[in-house]
Amino acid sequence: MITIDILVTQISGLRRRDLERWIANEWVRPEDCDGSLMFREIDVARVRLIQELRDEMLVNDEALPIVLSLLDQLYDQRRRMRELCDALRQTAPDEVRRNLASHLADHLSPAKPCR
């Protein structure tokens, strides 16, 4: 974990006041450790994402919460699909996995079936 001061120096073009606004808007949620904000790797990745959306893709502050919410939903669904695939891989009989893979290949191409 790193402090806000280190984060601001590590990411080129990141301004502390922008980061503080993103925290106030709860777009980034660092941990509060004894009054100091500490950023995990996932927080740093989120800061980089917000900066990229804003600076390179020109997403304005009014649209950012919508884009971030949609991305969060997408990442959550991908995580759930991985968990489902892992559960099927570990618990489903071979025949069930083959039938499911065949069904997915027929109906959801080019999606990758759980194997």
PDB file of N, CA and C in Angstrom:
ATOM      1  N   MET A   1       0.841  -1.177   0.000  1.00  0.00           N
ATOM      2  CA  MET A   1       0.000   0.000   0.000  1.00  0.00           C
ATOM      3  C   MET A   1       0.889   1.245   0.000  1.00  0.00           C
ATOM      4  N   ILE A   2       0.365   2.291  -0.628  1.00  0.00           N
ATOM      5  CA  ILE A   2       1.138   3.531  -0.709  1.00  0.00           C
ATOM      6  C   ILE A   2       0.282   4.713  -0.255  1.00  0.00           C
ATOM      7  N   THR A   3       0.950   5.785   0.085  1.00  0.00           N
ATOM      8  CA  THR A   3       0.262   6.993   0.541  1.00  0.00           C
ATOM      9  C   THR A   3      -0.167   7.845  -0.646  1.00  0.00           C
ATOM     10  N   ILE A   4      -1.002   8.821  -0.354  1.00  0.00           N
ATOM     11  CA  ILE A   4      -1.468   9.730  -1.404  1.00  0.00           C
ATOM     12  C   ILE A   4      -0.308  10.515  -2.003  1.00  0.00           C
ATOM     13  N   ASP A   5       0.662  10.903  -1.165  1.00  0.00           N
ATOM     14  CA  ASP A   5       1.819  11.658  -1.668  1.00  0.00           C
ATOM     15  C   ASP A   5       2.626  10.836  -2.662  1.00  0.00           C
ATOM     16  N   ILE A   6       2.846   9.579  -2.347  1.00  0.00           N
ATOM     17  CA  ILE A   6       3.601   8.705  -3.250  1.00  0.00           C
ATOM     18  C   ILE A   6       2.818   8.469  -4.527  1.00  0.00           C
ATOM     19  N   LEU A   7       1.513   8.243  -4.397  1.00  0.00           N
ATOM     20  CA  LEU A   7       0.689   7.995  -5.581  1.00  0.00           C
ATOM     21  C   LEU A   7       0.735   9.174  -6.540  1.00  0.00           C
ATOM     22  N   VAL A   8       0.614  10.376  -6.020  1.00  0.00           N
ATOM     23  CA  VAL A   8       0.617  11.570  -6.864  1.00  0.00           C
ATOM     24  C   VAL A   8       1.952  11.714  -7.598  1.00  0.00           C
ATOM     25  N   THR A   9       3.046  11.324  -6.946  1.00  0.00           N
ATOM     26  CA  THR A   9       4.344  11.426  -7.619  1.00  0.00           C
ATOM     27  C   THR A   9       4.572  10.290  -8.617  1.00  0.00           C
ATOM     28  N   GLN A  10       3.917   9.151  -8.412  1.00  0.00           N
ATOM     29  CA  GLN A  10       4.115   7.990  -9.292  1.00  0.00           C
ATOM     30  C   GLN A  10       3.366   8.102 -10.613  1.00  0.00           C
ATOM     31  N   ILE A  11       2.226   8.764 -10.607  1.00  0.00           N
ATOM     32  CA  ILE A  11       1.403   8.813 -11.813  1.00  0.00           C
ATOM     33  C   ILE A  11       1.561  10.168 -12.481  1.00  0.00           C
ATOM     34  N   SER A  12       2.144  10.152 -13.655  1.00  0.00           N
ATOM     35  CA  SER A  12       2.408  11.381 -14.395  1.00  0.00           C
ATOM     36  C   SER A  12       1.101  12.105 -14.715  1.00  0.00           C
ATOM     37  N   GLY A  13       1.076  13.382 -14.427  1.00  0.00           N
ATOM     38  CA  GLY A  13      -0.081  14.203 -14.751  1.00  0.00           C
ATOM     39  C   GLY A  13      -1.190  14.170 -13.723  1.00  0.00           C
ATOM     40  N   LEU A  14      -1.036  13.369 -12.687  1.00  0.00           N
ATOM     41  CA  LEU A  14      -2.069  13.281 -11.646  1.00  0.00           C
ATOM     42  C   LEU A  14      -1.910  14.456 -10.687  1.00  0.00           C
ATOM     43  N   ARG A  15      -2.998  15.189 -10.509  1.00  0.00           N
ATOM     44  CA  ARG A  15      -2.992  16.313  -9.568  1.00  0.00           C
ATOM     45  C   ARG A  15      -3.685  15.892  -8.285  1.00  0.00           C
ATOM     46  N   ARG A  16      -3.094  16.274  -7.176  1.00  0.00           N
ATOM     47  CA  ARG A  16      -3.620  15.894  -5.865  1.00  0.00           C
ATOM     48  C   ARG A  16      -5.077  16.330  -5.697  1.00  0.00           C
ATOM     49  N   ARG A  17      -5.408  17.534  -6.129  1.00  0.00           N
ATOM     50  CA  ARG A  17      -6.786  18.015  -5.943  1.00  0.00           C
ATOM     51  C   ARG A  17      -7.783  17.179  -6.745  1.00  0.00           C
ATOM     52  N   ASP A  18      -7.369  16.698  -7.935  1.00  0.00           N
ATOM     53  CA  ASP A  18      -8.251  15.811  -8.706  1.00  0.00           C
ATOM     54  C   ASP A  18      -8.464  14.502  -7.946  1.00  0.00           C
ATOM     55  N   LEU A  19      -7.367  13.948  -7.436  1.00  0.00           N
ATOM     56  CA  LEU A  19      -7.456  12.698  -6.683  1.00  0.00           C
ATOM     57  C   LEU A  19      -8.332  12.866  -5.440  1.00  0.00           C
ATOM     58  N   GLU A  20      -8.171  13.960  -4.744  1.00  0.00           N
ATOM     59  CA  GLU A  20      -8.999  14.216  -3.560  1.00  0.00           C
ATOM     60  C   GLU A  20     -10.478  14.335  -3.933  1.00  0.00           C
ATOM     61  N   ARG A  21     -10.772  14.933  -5.079  1.00  0.00           N
ATOM     62  CA  ARG A  21     -12.162  15.025  -5.554  1.00  0.00           C
ATOM     63  C   ARG A  21     -12.712  13.634  -5.904  1.00  0.00           C
ATOM     64  N   TRP A  22     -11.866  12.811  -6.523  1.00  0.00           N
ATOM     65  CA  TRP A  22     -12.300  11.451  -6.874  1.00  0.00           C
ATOM     66  C   TRP A  22     -12.592  10.644  -5.609  1.00  0.00           C
ATOM     67  N   ILE A  23     -11.804  10.875  -4.583  1.00  0.00           N
ATOM     68  CA  ILE A  23     -12.042  10.198  -3.302  1.00  0.00           C
ATOM     69  C   ILE A  23     -13.337  10.710  -2.686  1.00  0.00           C
ATOM     70  N   ALA A  24     -13.541  12.038  -2.694  1.00  0.00           N
ATOM     71  CA  ALA A  24     -14.766  12.626  -2.152  1.00  0.00           C
ATOM     72  C   ALA A  24     -15.998  12.120  -2.897  1.00  0.00           C
ATOM     73  N   ASN A  25     -15.870  11.903  -4.198  1.00  0.00           N
ATOM     74  CA  ASN A  25     -16.972  11.375  -5.017  1.00  0.00           C
ATOM     75  C   ASN A  25     -17.125   9.863  -4.882  1.00  0.00           C
ATOM     76  N   GLU A  26     -16.195   9.244  -4.137  1.00  0.00           N
ATOM     77  CA  GLU A  26     -16.157   7.795  -3.928  1.00  0.00           C
ATOM     78  C   GLU A  26     -15.923   7.011  -5.214  1.00  0.00           C
ATOM     79  N   TRP A  27     -15.210   7.629  -6.154  1.00  0.00           N
ATOM     80  CA  TRP A  27     -14.796   6.908  -7.354  1.00  0.00           C
ATOM     81  C   TRP A  27     -13.568   6.063  -7.043  1.00  0.00           C
ATOM     82  N   VAL A  28     -12.820   6.474  -6.026  1.00  0.00           N
ATOM     83  CA  VAL A  28     -11.666   5.746  -5.511  1.00  0.00           C
ATOM     84  C   VAL A  28     -11.876   5.646  -4.008  1.00  0.00           C
ATOM     85  N   ARG A  29     -11.624   4.464  -3.437  1.00  0.00           N
ATOM     86  CA  ARG A  29     -11.879   4.244  -2.011  1.00  0.00           C
ATOM     87  C   ARG A  29     -10.652   3.672  -1.302  1.00  0.00           C
ATOM     88  N   PRO A  30      -9.685   4.543  -1.014  1.00  0.00           N
ATOM     89  CA  PRO A  30      -8.505   4.060  -0.279  1.00  0.00           C
ATOM     90  C   PRO A  30      -8.874   3.743   1.164  1.00  0.00           C
ATOM     91  N   GLU A  31      -8.005   2.992   1.827  1.00  0.00           N
ATOM     92  CA  GLU A  31      -8.211   2.675   3.247  1.00  0.00           C
ATOM     93  C   GLU A  31      -7.718   3.825   4.105  1.00  0.00           C
ATOM     94  N   ASP A  32      -8.430   4.066   5.194  1.00  0.00           N
ATOM     95  CA  ASP A  32      -8.002   5.071   6.163  1.00  0.00           C
ATOM     96  C   ASP A  32      -7.254   4.342   7.271  1.00  0.00           C
ATOM     97  N   CYS A  33      -5.944   4.529   7.313  1.00  0.00           N
ATOM     98  CA  CYS A  33      -5.104   3.885   8.320  1.00  0.00           C
ATOM     99  C   CYS A  33      -4.580   4.956   9.267  1.00  0.00           C
ATOM    100  N   ASP A  34      -5.217   5.051  10.426  1.00  0.00           N
ATOM    101  CA  ASP A  34      -4.802   6.023  11.442  1.00  0.00           C
ATOM    102  C   ASP A  34      -4.739   7.447  10.893  1.00  0.00           C
ATOM    103  N   GLY A  35      -5.750   7.814  10.116  1.00  0.00           N
ATOM    104  CA  GLY A  35      -5.826   9.167   9.583  1.00  0.00           C
ATOM    105  C   GLY A  35      -5.093   9.395   8.278  1.00  0.00           C
ATOM    106  N   SER A  36      -4.381   8.390   7.787  1.00  0.00           N
ATOM    107  CA  SER A  36      -3.678   8.497   6.503  1.00  0.00           C
ATOM    108  C   SER A  36      -4.375   7.627   5.471  1.00  0.00           C
ATOM    109  N   LEU A  37      -4.539   8.170   4.285  1.00  0.00           N
ATOM    110  CA  LEU A  37      -5.132   7.388   3.203  1.00  0.00           C
ATOM    111  C   LEU A  37      -4.064   6.484   2.606  1.00  0.00           C
ATOM    112  N   MET A  38      -4.409   5.200   2.498  1.00  0.00           N
ATOM    113  CA  MET A  38      -3.488   4.216   1.931  1.00  0.00           C
ATOM    114  C   MET A  38      -4.158   3.575   0.715  1.00  0.00           C
ATOM    115  N   PHE A  39      -3.407   3.502  -0.362  1.00  0.00           N
ATOM    116  CA  PHE A  39      -3.923   3.006  -1.627  1.00  0.00           C
ATOM    117  C   PHE A  39      -3.352   1.622  -1.916  1.00  0.00           C
ATOM    118  N   ARG A  40      -4.254   0.672  -2.186  1.00  0.00           N
ATOM    119  CA  ARG A  40      -3.857  -0.677  -2.595  1.00  0.00           C
ATOM    120  C   ARG A  40      -3.626  -0.677  -4.110  1.00  0.00           C
ATOM    121  N   GLU A  41      -3.128  -1.784  -4.627  1.00  0.00           N
ATOM    122  CA  GLU A  41      -2.899  -1.895  -6.070  1.00  0.00           C
ATOM    123  C   GLU A  41      -4.175  -1.647  -6.852  1.00  0.00           C
ATOM    124  N   ILE A  42      -5.291  -2.168  -6.355  1.00  0.00           N
ATOM    125  CA  ILE A  42      -6.558  -1.987  -7.058  1.00  0.00           C
ATOM    126  C   ILE A  42      -6.970  -0.519  -7.089  1.00  0.00           C
ATOM    127  N   ASP A  43      -6.647   0.219  -6.022  1.00  0.00           N
ATOM    128  CA  ASP A  43      -6.941   1.652  -5.989  1.00  0.00           C
ATOM    129  C   ASP A  43      -6.088   2.397  -7.015  1.00  0.00           C
ATOM    130  N   VAL A  44      -4.816   2.022  -7.091  1.00  0.00           N
ATOM    131  CA  VAL A  44      -3.912   2.650  -8.056  1.00  0.00           C
ATOM    132  C   VAL A  44      -4.408   2.381  -9.475  1.00  0.00           C
ATOM    133  N   ALA A  45      -4.832   1.159  -9.743  1.00  0.00           N
ATOM    134  CA  ALA A  45      -5.368   0.821 -11.069  1.00  0.00           C
ATOM    135  C   ALA A  45      -6.618   1.648 -11.370  1.00  0.00           C
ATOM    136  N   ARG A  46      -7.446   1.853 -10.367  1.00  0.00           N
ATOM    137  CA  ARG A  46      -8.666   2.649 -10.537  1.00  0.00           C
ATOM    138  C   ARG A  46      -8.310   4.106 -10.847  1.00  0.00           C
ATOM    139  N   VAL A  47      -7.330   4.640 -10.148  1.00  0.00           N
ATOM    140  CA  VAL A  47      -6.886   6.014 -10.403  1.00  0.00           C
ATOM    141  C   VAL A  47      -6.376   6.129 -11.839  1.00  0.00           C
ATOM    142  N   ARG A  48      -5.580   5.161 -12.270  1.00  0.00           N
ATOM    143  CA  ARG A  48      -5.066   5.178 -13.649  1.00  0.00           C
ATOM    144  C   ARG A  48      -6.220   5.103 -14.657  1.00  0.00           C
ATOM    145  N   LEU A  49      -7.215   4.270 -14.359  1.00  0.00           N
ATOM    146  CA  LEU A  49      -8.372   4.151 -15.239  1.00  0.00           C
ATOM    147  C   LEU A  49      -9.118   5.484 -15.342  1.00  0.00           C
ATOM    148  N   ILE A  50      -9.381   6.113 -14.215  1.00  0.00           N
ATOM    149  CA  ILE A  50     -10.099   7.387 -14.221  1.00  0.00           C
ATOM    150  C   ILE A  50      -9.311   8.437 -14.996  1.00  0.00           C
ATOM    151  N   GLN A  51      -8.019   8.466 -14.772  1.00  0.00           N
ATOM    152  CA  GLN A  51      -7.186   9.434 -15.483  1.00  0.00           C
ATOM    153  C   GLN A  51      -7.211   9.168 -16.984  1.00  0.00           C
ATOM    154  N   GLU A  52      -7.162   7.893 -17.373  1.00  0.00           N
ATOM    155  CA  GLU A  52      -7.208   7.551 -18.795  1.00  0.00           C
ATOM    156  C   GLU A  52      -8.559   7.920 -19.406  1.00  0.00           C
ATOM    157  N   LEU A  53      -9.634   7.611 -18.695  1.00  0.00           N
ATOM    158  CA  LEU A  53     -10.965   7.967 -19.197  1.00  0.00           C
ATOM    159  C   LEU A  53     -11.080   9.476 -19.392  1.00  0.00           C
ATOM    160  N   ARG A  54     -10.584  10.207 -18.421  1.00  0.00           N
ATOM    161  CA  ARG A  54     -10.686  11.671 -18.460  1.00  0.00           C
ATOM    162  C   ARG A  54      -9.748  12.292 -19.499  1.00  0.00           C
ATOM    163  N   ASP A  55      -8.496  11.904 -19.475  1.00  0.00           N
ATOM    164  CA  ASP A  55      -7.497  12.589 -20.297  1.00  0.00           C
ATOM    165  C   ASP A  55      -7.375  12.057 -21.715  1.00  0.00           C
ATOM    166  N   GLU A  56      -7.498  10.752 -21.886  1.00  0.00           N
ATOM    167  CA  GLU A  56      -7.306  10.173 -23.219  1.00  0.00           C
ATOM    168  C   GLU A  56      -8.618   9.944 -23.955  1.00  0.00           C
ATOM    169  N   MET A  57      -9.658   9.586 -23.225  1.00  0.00           N
ATOM    170  CA  MET A  57     -10.952   9.324 -23.858  1.00  0.00           C
ATOM    171  C   MET A  57     -11.907  10.502 -23.726  1.00  0.00           C
ATOM    172  N   LEU A  58     -11.454  11.538 -23.027  1.00  0.00           N
ATOM    173  CA  LEU A  58     -12.196  12.789 -22.876  1.00  0.00           C
ATOM    174  C   LEU A  58     -13.583  12.610 -22.262  1.00  0.00           C
ATOM    175  N   VAL A  59     -13.673  11.686 -21.302  1.00  0.00           N
ATOM    176  CA  VAL A  59     -14.924  11.497 -20.554  1.00  0.00           C
ATOM    177  C   VAL A  59     -14.972  12.591 -19.489  1.00  0.00           C
ATOM    178  N   ASN A  60     -16.046  13.385 -19.488  1.00  0.00           N
ATOM    179  CA  ASN A  60     -16.126  14.492 -18.534  1.00  0.00           C
ATOM    180  C   ASN A  60     -16.604  14.014 -17.164  1.00  0.00           C
ATOM    181  N   ASP A  61     -16.488  14.903 -16.171  1.00  0.00           N
ATOM    182  CA  ASP A  61     -16.822  14.538 -14.788  1.00  0.00           C
ATOM    183  C   ASP A  61     -18.281  14.145 -14.610  1.00  0.00           C
ATOM    184  N   GLU A  62     -19.165  14.672 -15.440  1.00  0.00           N
ATOM    185  CA  GLU A  62     -20.578  14.294 -15.333  1.00  0.00           C
ATOM    186  C   GLU A  62     -20.818  12.867 -15.818  1.00  0.00           C
ATOM    187  N   ALA A  63     -20.058  12.434 -16.811  1.00  0.00           N
ATOM    188  CA  ALA A  63     -20.232  11.093 -17.370  1.00  0.00           C
ATOM    189  C   ALA A  63     -19.403  10.038 -16.635  1.00  0.00           C
ATOM    190  N   LEU A  64     -18.348  10.465 -15.956  1.00  0.00           N
ATOM    191  CA  LEU A  64     -17.459   9.500 -15.301  1.00  0.00           C
ATOM    192  C   LEU A  64     -18.169   8.538 -14.356  1.00  0.00           C
ATOM    193  N   PRO A  65     -19.075   9.000 -13.476  1.00  0.00           N
ATOM    194  CA  PRO A  65     -19.717   8.026 -12.579  1.00  0.00           C
ATOM    195  C   PRO A  65     -20.527   6.977 -13.329  1.00  0.00           C
ATOM    196  N   ILE A  66     -21.109   7.347 -14.440  1.00  0.00           N
ATOM    197  CA  ILE A  66     -21.887   6.389 -15.232  1.00  0.00           C
ATOM    198  C   ILE A  66     -20.959   5.364 -15.868  1.00  0.00           C
ATOM    199  N   VAL A  67     -19.880   5.850 -16.463  1.00  0.00           N
ATOM    200  CA  VAL A  67     -18.915   4.947 -17.103  1.00  0.00           C
ATOM    201  C   VAL A  67     -18.297   4.016 -16.066  1.00  0.00           C
ATOM    202  N   LEU A  68     -17.911   4.576 -14.915  1.00  0.00           N
ATOM    203  CA  LEU A  68     -17.315   3.752 -13.863  1.00  0.00           C
ATOM    204  C   LEU A  68     -18.303   2.706 -13.352  1.00  0.00           C
ATOM    205  N   SER A  69     -19.551   3.088 -13.187  1.00  0.00           N
ATOM    206  CA  SER A  69     -20.571   2.136 -12.729  1.00  0.00           C
ATOM    207  C   SER A  69     -20.746   0.995 -13.736  1.00  0.00           C
ATOM    208  N   LEU A  70     -20.804   1.338 -15.010  1.00  0.00           N
ATOM    209  CA  LEU A  70     -20.942   0.308 -16.044  1.00  0.00           C
ATOM    210  C   LEU A  70     -19.720  -0.614 -16.077  1.00  0.00           C
ATOM    211  N   LEU A  71     -18.532  -0.041 -15.949  1.00  0.00           N
ATOM    212  CA  LEU A  71     -17.322  -0.868 -15.913  1.00  0.00           C
ATOM    213  C   LEU A  71     -17.306  -1.759 -14.682  1.00  0.00           C
ATOM    214  N   ASP A  72     -17.722  -1.223 -13.539  1.00  0.00           N
ATOM    215  CA  ASP A  72     -17.794  -2.037 -12.320  1.00  0.00           C
ATOM    216  C   ASP A  72     -18.753  -3.210 -12.505  1.00  0.00           C
ATOM    217  N   GLN A  73     -19.895  -2.948 -13.136  1.00  0.00           N
ATOM    218  CA  GLN A  73     -20.861  -4.022 -13.385  1.00  0.00           C
ATOM    219  C   GLN A  73     -20.272  -5.071 -14.323  1.00  0.00           C
ATOM    220  N   LEU A  74     -19.574  -4.618 -15.357  1.00  0.00           N
ATOM    221  CA  LEU A  74     -18.953  -5.545 -16.300  1.00  0.00           C
ATOM    222  C   LEU A  74     -17.911  -6.417 -15.608  1.00  0.00           C
ATOM    223  N   TYR A  75     -17.036  -5.793 -14.809  1.00  0.00           N
ATOM    224  CA  TYR A  75     -16.015  -6.558 -14.092  1.00  0.00           C
ATOM    225  C   TYR A  75     -16.645  -7.540 -13.106  1.00  0.00           C
ATOM    226  N   ASP A  76     -17.719  -7.119 -12.449  1.00  0.00           N
ATOM    227  CA  ASP A  76     -18.397  -8.004 -11.507  1.00  0.00           C
ATOM    228  C   ASP A  76     -19.001  -9.208 -12.227  1.00  0.00           C
ATOM    229  N   GLN A  77     -19.612  -8.977 -13.379  1.00  0.00           N
ATOM    230  CA  GLN A  77     -20.199 -10.091 -14.138  1.00  0.00           C
ATOM    231  C   GLN A  77     -19.116 -11.040 -14.650  1.00  0.00           C
ATOM    232  N   ARG A  78     -17.989 -10.492 -15.076  1.00  0.00           N
ATOM    233  CA  ARG A  78     -16.889 -11.345 -15.523  1.00  0.00           C
ATOM    234  C   ARG A  78     -16.371 -12.197 -14.369  1.00  0.00           C
ATOM    235  N   ARG A  79     -16.256 -11.594 -13.174  1.00  0.00           N
ATOM    236  CA  ARG A  79     -15.813 -12.343 -12.000  1.00  0.00           C
ATOM    237  C   ARG A  79     -16.800 -13.462 -11.691  1.00  0.00           C
ATOM    238  N   ARG A  80     -18.084 -13.158 -11.748  1.00  0.00           N
ATOM    239  CA  ARG A  80     -19.106 -14.174 -11.471  1.00  0.00           C
ATOM    240  C   ARG A  80     -19.075 -15.301 -12.502  1.00  0.00           C
ATOM    241  N   MET A  81     -18.839 -14.954 -13.756  1.00  0.00           N
ATOM    242  CA  MET A  81     -18.746 -15.992 -14.793  1.00  0.00           C
ATOM    243  C   MET A  81     -17.534 -16.890 -14.557  1.00  0.00           C
ATOM    244  N   ARG A  82     -16.400 -16.295 -14.143  1.00  0.00           N
ATOM    245  CA  ARG A  82     -15.222 -17.112 -13.823  1.00  0.00           C
ATOM    246  C   ARG A  82     -15.528 -18.056 -12.671  1.00  0.00           C
ATOM    247  N   GLU A  83     -16.219 -17.547 -11.651  1.00  0.00           N
ATOM    248  CA  GLU A  83     -16.581 -18.391 -10.506  1.00  0.00           C
ATOM    249  C   GLU A  83     -17.510 -19.518 -10.941  1.00  0.00           C
ATOM    250  N   LEU A  84     -18.467 -19.208 -11.806  1.00  0.00           N
ATOM    251  CA  LEU A  84     -19.385 -20.228 -12.311  1.00  0.00           C
ATOM    252  C   LEU A  84     -18.624 -21.280 -13.118  1.00  0.00           C
ATOM    253  N   CYS A  85     -17.730 -20.832 -13.978  1.00  0.00           N
ATOM    254  CA  CYS A  85     -16.939 -21.776 -14.770  1.00  0.00           C
ATOM    255  C   CYS A  85     -16.075 -22.653 -13.871  1.00  0.00           C
ATOM    256  N   ASP A  86     -15.468 -22.053 -12.856  1.00  0.00           N
ATOM    257  CA  ASP A  86     -14.656 -22.831 -11.916  1.00  0.00           C
ATOM    258  C   ASP A  86     -15.507 -23.859 -11.179  1.00  0.00           C
ATOM    259  N   ALA A  87     -16.700 -23.460 -10.744  1.00  0.00           N
ATOM    260  CA  ALA A  87     -17.588 -24.386 -10.028  1.00  0.00           C
ATOM    261  C   ALA A  87     -18.013 -25.530 -10.945  1.00  0.00           C
ATOM    262  N   LEU A  88     -18.342 -25.207 -12.193  1.00  0.00           N
ATOM    263  CA  LEU A  88     -18.729 -26.264 -13.140  1.00  0.00           C
ATOM    264  C   LEU A  88     -17.567 -27.205 -13.402  1.00  0.00           C
ATOM    265  N   ARG A  89     -16.381 -26.630 -13.564  1.00  0.00           N
ATOM    266  CA  ARG A  89     -15.186 -27.447 -13.821  1.00  0.00           C
ATOM    267  C   ARG A  89     -14.924 -28.407 -12.665  1.00  0.00           C
ATOM    268  N   GLN A  90     -15.181 -27.955 -11.447  1.00  0.00           N
ATOM    269  CA  GLN A  90     -14.866 -28.759 -10.268  1.00  0.00           C
ATOM    270  C   GLN A  90     -15.976 -29.735  -9.889  1.00  0.00           C
ATOM    271  N   THR A  91     -17.232 -29.423 -10.230  1.00  0.00           N
ATOM    272  CA  THR A  91     -18.328 -30.234  -9.698  1.00  0.00           C
ATOM    273  C   THR A  91     -19.197 -30.931 -10.735  1.00  0.00           C
ATOM    274  N   ALA A  92     -19.288 -30.375 -11.921  1.00  0.00           N
ATOM    275  CA  ALA A  92     -20.211 -30.953 -12.908  1.00  0.00           C
ATOM    276  C   ALA A  92     -19.611 -32.202 -13.552  1.00  0.00           C
ATOM    277  N   PRO A  93     -20.433 -33.207 -13.775  1.00  0.00           N
ATOM    278  CA  PRO A  93     -19.963 -34.399 -14.493  1.00  0.00           C
ATOM    279  C   PRO A  93     -19.521 -34.025 -15.915  1.00  0.00           C
ATOM    280  N   ASP A  94     -18.641 -34.852 -16.485  1.00  0.00           N
ATOM    281  CA  ASP A  94     -18.124 -34.590 -17.835  1.00  0.00           C
ATOM    282  C   ASP A  94     -19.239 -34.395 -18.847  1.00  0.00           C
ATOM    283  N   GLU A  95     -20.267 -35.226 -18.785  1.00  0.00           N
ATOM    284  CA  GLU A  95     -21.361 -35.140 -19.755  1.00  0.00           C
ATOM    285  C   GLU A  95     -22.061 -33.784 -19.670  1.00  0.00           C
ATOM    286  N   VAL A  96     -22.283 -33.295 -18.477  1.00  0.00           N
ATOM    287  CA  VAL A  96     -22.937 -31.992 -18.299  1.00  0.00           C
ATOM    288  C   VAL A  96     -22.057 -30.889 -18.886  1.00  0.00           C
ATOM    289  N   ARG A  97     -20.760 -30.945 -18.636  1.00  0.00           N
ATOM    290  CA  ARG A  97     -19.847 -29.926 -19.179  1.00  0.00           C
ATOM    291  C   ARG A  97     -19.821 -29.979 -20.702  1.00  0.00           C
ATOM    292  N   ARG A  98     -19.810 -31.194 -21.271  1.00  0.00           N
ATOM    293  CA  ARG A  98     -19.807 -31.315 -22.736  1.00  0.00           C
ATOM    294  C   ARG A  98     -21.100 -30.767 -23.327  1.00  0.00           C
ATOM    295  N   ASN A  99     -22.238 -31.100 -22.710  1.00  0.00           N
ATOM    296  CA  ASN A  99     -23.527 -30.603 -23.206  1.00  0.00           C
ATOM    297  C   ASN A  99     -23.608 -29.075 -23.109  1.00  0.00           C
ATOM    298  N   LEU A 100     -23.129 -28.542 -22.019  1.00  0.00           N
ATOM    299  CA  LEU A 100     -23.129 -27.097 -21.840  1.00  0.00           C
ATOM    300  C   LEU A 100     -22.217 -26.431 -22.862  1.00  0.00           C
ATOM    301  N   ALA A 101     -21.034 -26.969 -23.076  1.00  0.00           N
ATOM    302  CA  ALA A 101     -20.100 -26.410 -24.057  1.00  0.00           C
ATOM    303  C   ALA A 101     -20.699 -26.448 -25.453  1.00  0.00           C
ATOM    304  N   SER A 102     -21.367 -27.533 -25.787  1.00  0.00           N
ATOM    305  CA  SER A 102     -22.000 -27.656 -27.095  1.00  0.00           C
ATOM    306  C   SER A 102     -23.130 -26.631 -27.257  1.00  0.00           C
ATOM    307  N   HIS A 103     -23.928 -26.507 -26.214  1.00  0.00           N
ATOM    308  CA  HIS A 103     -25.031 -25.541 -26.255  1.00  0.00           C
ATOM    309  C   HIS A 103     -24.495 -24.117 -26.415  1.00  0.00           C
ATOM    310  N   LEU A 104     -23.457 -23.771 -25.661  1.00  0.00           N
ATOM    311  CA  LEU A 104     -22.888 -22.432 -25.748  1.00  0.00           C
ATOM    312  C   LEU A 104     -22.279 -22.186 -27.118  1.00  0.00           C
ATOM    313  N   ALA A 105     -21.612 -23.193 -27.678  1.00  0.00           N
ATOM    314  CA  ALA A 105     -21.004 -23.048 -28.995  1.00  0.00           C
ATOM    315  C   ALA A 105     -22.073 -22.790 -30.054  1.00  0.00           C
ATOM    316  N   ASP A 106     -23.229 -23.417 -29.899  1.00  0.00           N
ATOM    317  CA  ASP A 106     -24.314 -23.248 -30.870  1.00  0.00           C
ATOM    318  C   ASP A 106     -25.028 -21.903 -30.734  1.00  0.00           C
ATOM    319  N   HIS A 107     -25.109 -21.378 -29.513  1.00  0.00           N
ATOM    320  CA  HIS A 107     -25.964 -20.216 -29.266  1.00  0.00           C
ATOM    321  C   HIS A 107     -25.236 -18.928 -28.926  1.00  0.00           C
ATOM    322  N   LEU A 108     -24.009 -19.013 -28.493  1.00  0.00           N
ATOM    323  CA  LEU A 108     -23.332 -17.810 -28.021  1.00  0.00           C
ATOM    324  C   LEU A 108     -22.009 -17.548 -28.719  1.00  0.00           C
ATOM    325  N   SER A 109     -21.775 -18.144 -29.834  1.00  0.00           N
ATOM    326  CA  SER A 109     -20.501 -17.958 -30.523  1.00  0.00           C
ATOM    327  C   SER A 109     -20.200 -16.478 -30.666  1.00  0.00           C
ATOM    328  N   PRO A 110     -19.007 -16.023 -30.501  1.00  0.00           N
ATOM    329  CA  PRO A 110     -17.766 -16.736 -30.249  1.00  0.00           C
ATOM    330  C   PRO A 110     -17.390 -16.819 -28.764  1.00  0.00           C
ATOM    331  N   ALA A 111     -18.344 -16.852 -27.883  1.00  0.00           N
ATOM    332  CA  ALA A 111     -18.029 -16.955 -26.438  1.00  0.00           C
ATOM    333  C   ALA A 111     -17.226 -18.216 -26.171  1.00  0.00           C
ATOM    334  N   LYS A 112     -16.365 -18.140 -25.171  1.00  0.00           N
ATOM    335  CA  LYS A 112     -15.559 -19.294 -24.778  1.00  0.00           C
ATOM    336  C   LYS A 112     -16.351 -20.097 -23.762  1.00  0.00           C
ATOM    337  N   PRO A 113     -16.659 -21.359 -24.048  1.00  0.00           N
ATOM    338  CA  PRO A 113     -17.417 -22.176 -23.099  1.00  0.00           C
ATOM    339  C   PRO A 113     -16.572 -22.610 -21.897  1.00  0.00           C
ATOM    340  N   CYS A 114     -17.239 -22.980 -20.835  1.00  0.00           N
ATOM    341  CA  CYS A 114     -16.562 -23.509 -19.645  1.00  0.00           C
ATOM    342  C   CYS A 114     -16.103 -24.929 -19.933  1.00  0.00           C
ATOM    343  N   ARG A 115     -14.840 -25.180 -19.779  1.00  0.00           N
ATOM    344  CA  ARG A 115     -14.324 -26.544 -20.019  1.00  0.00           C
ATOM    345  C   ARG A 115     -13.575 -27.030 -18.836  1.00  0.00           C
TER     346      ARG A 115
END
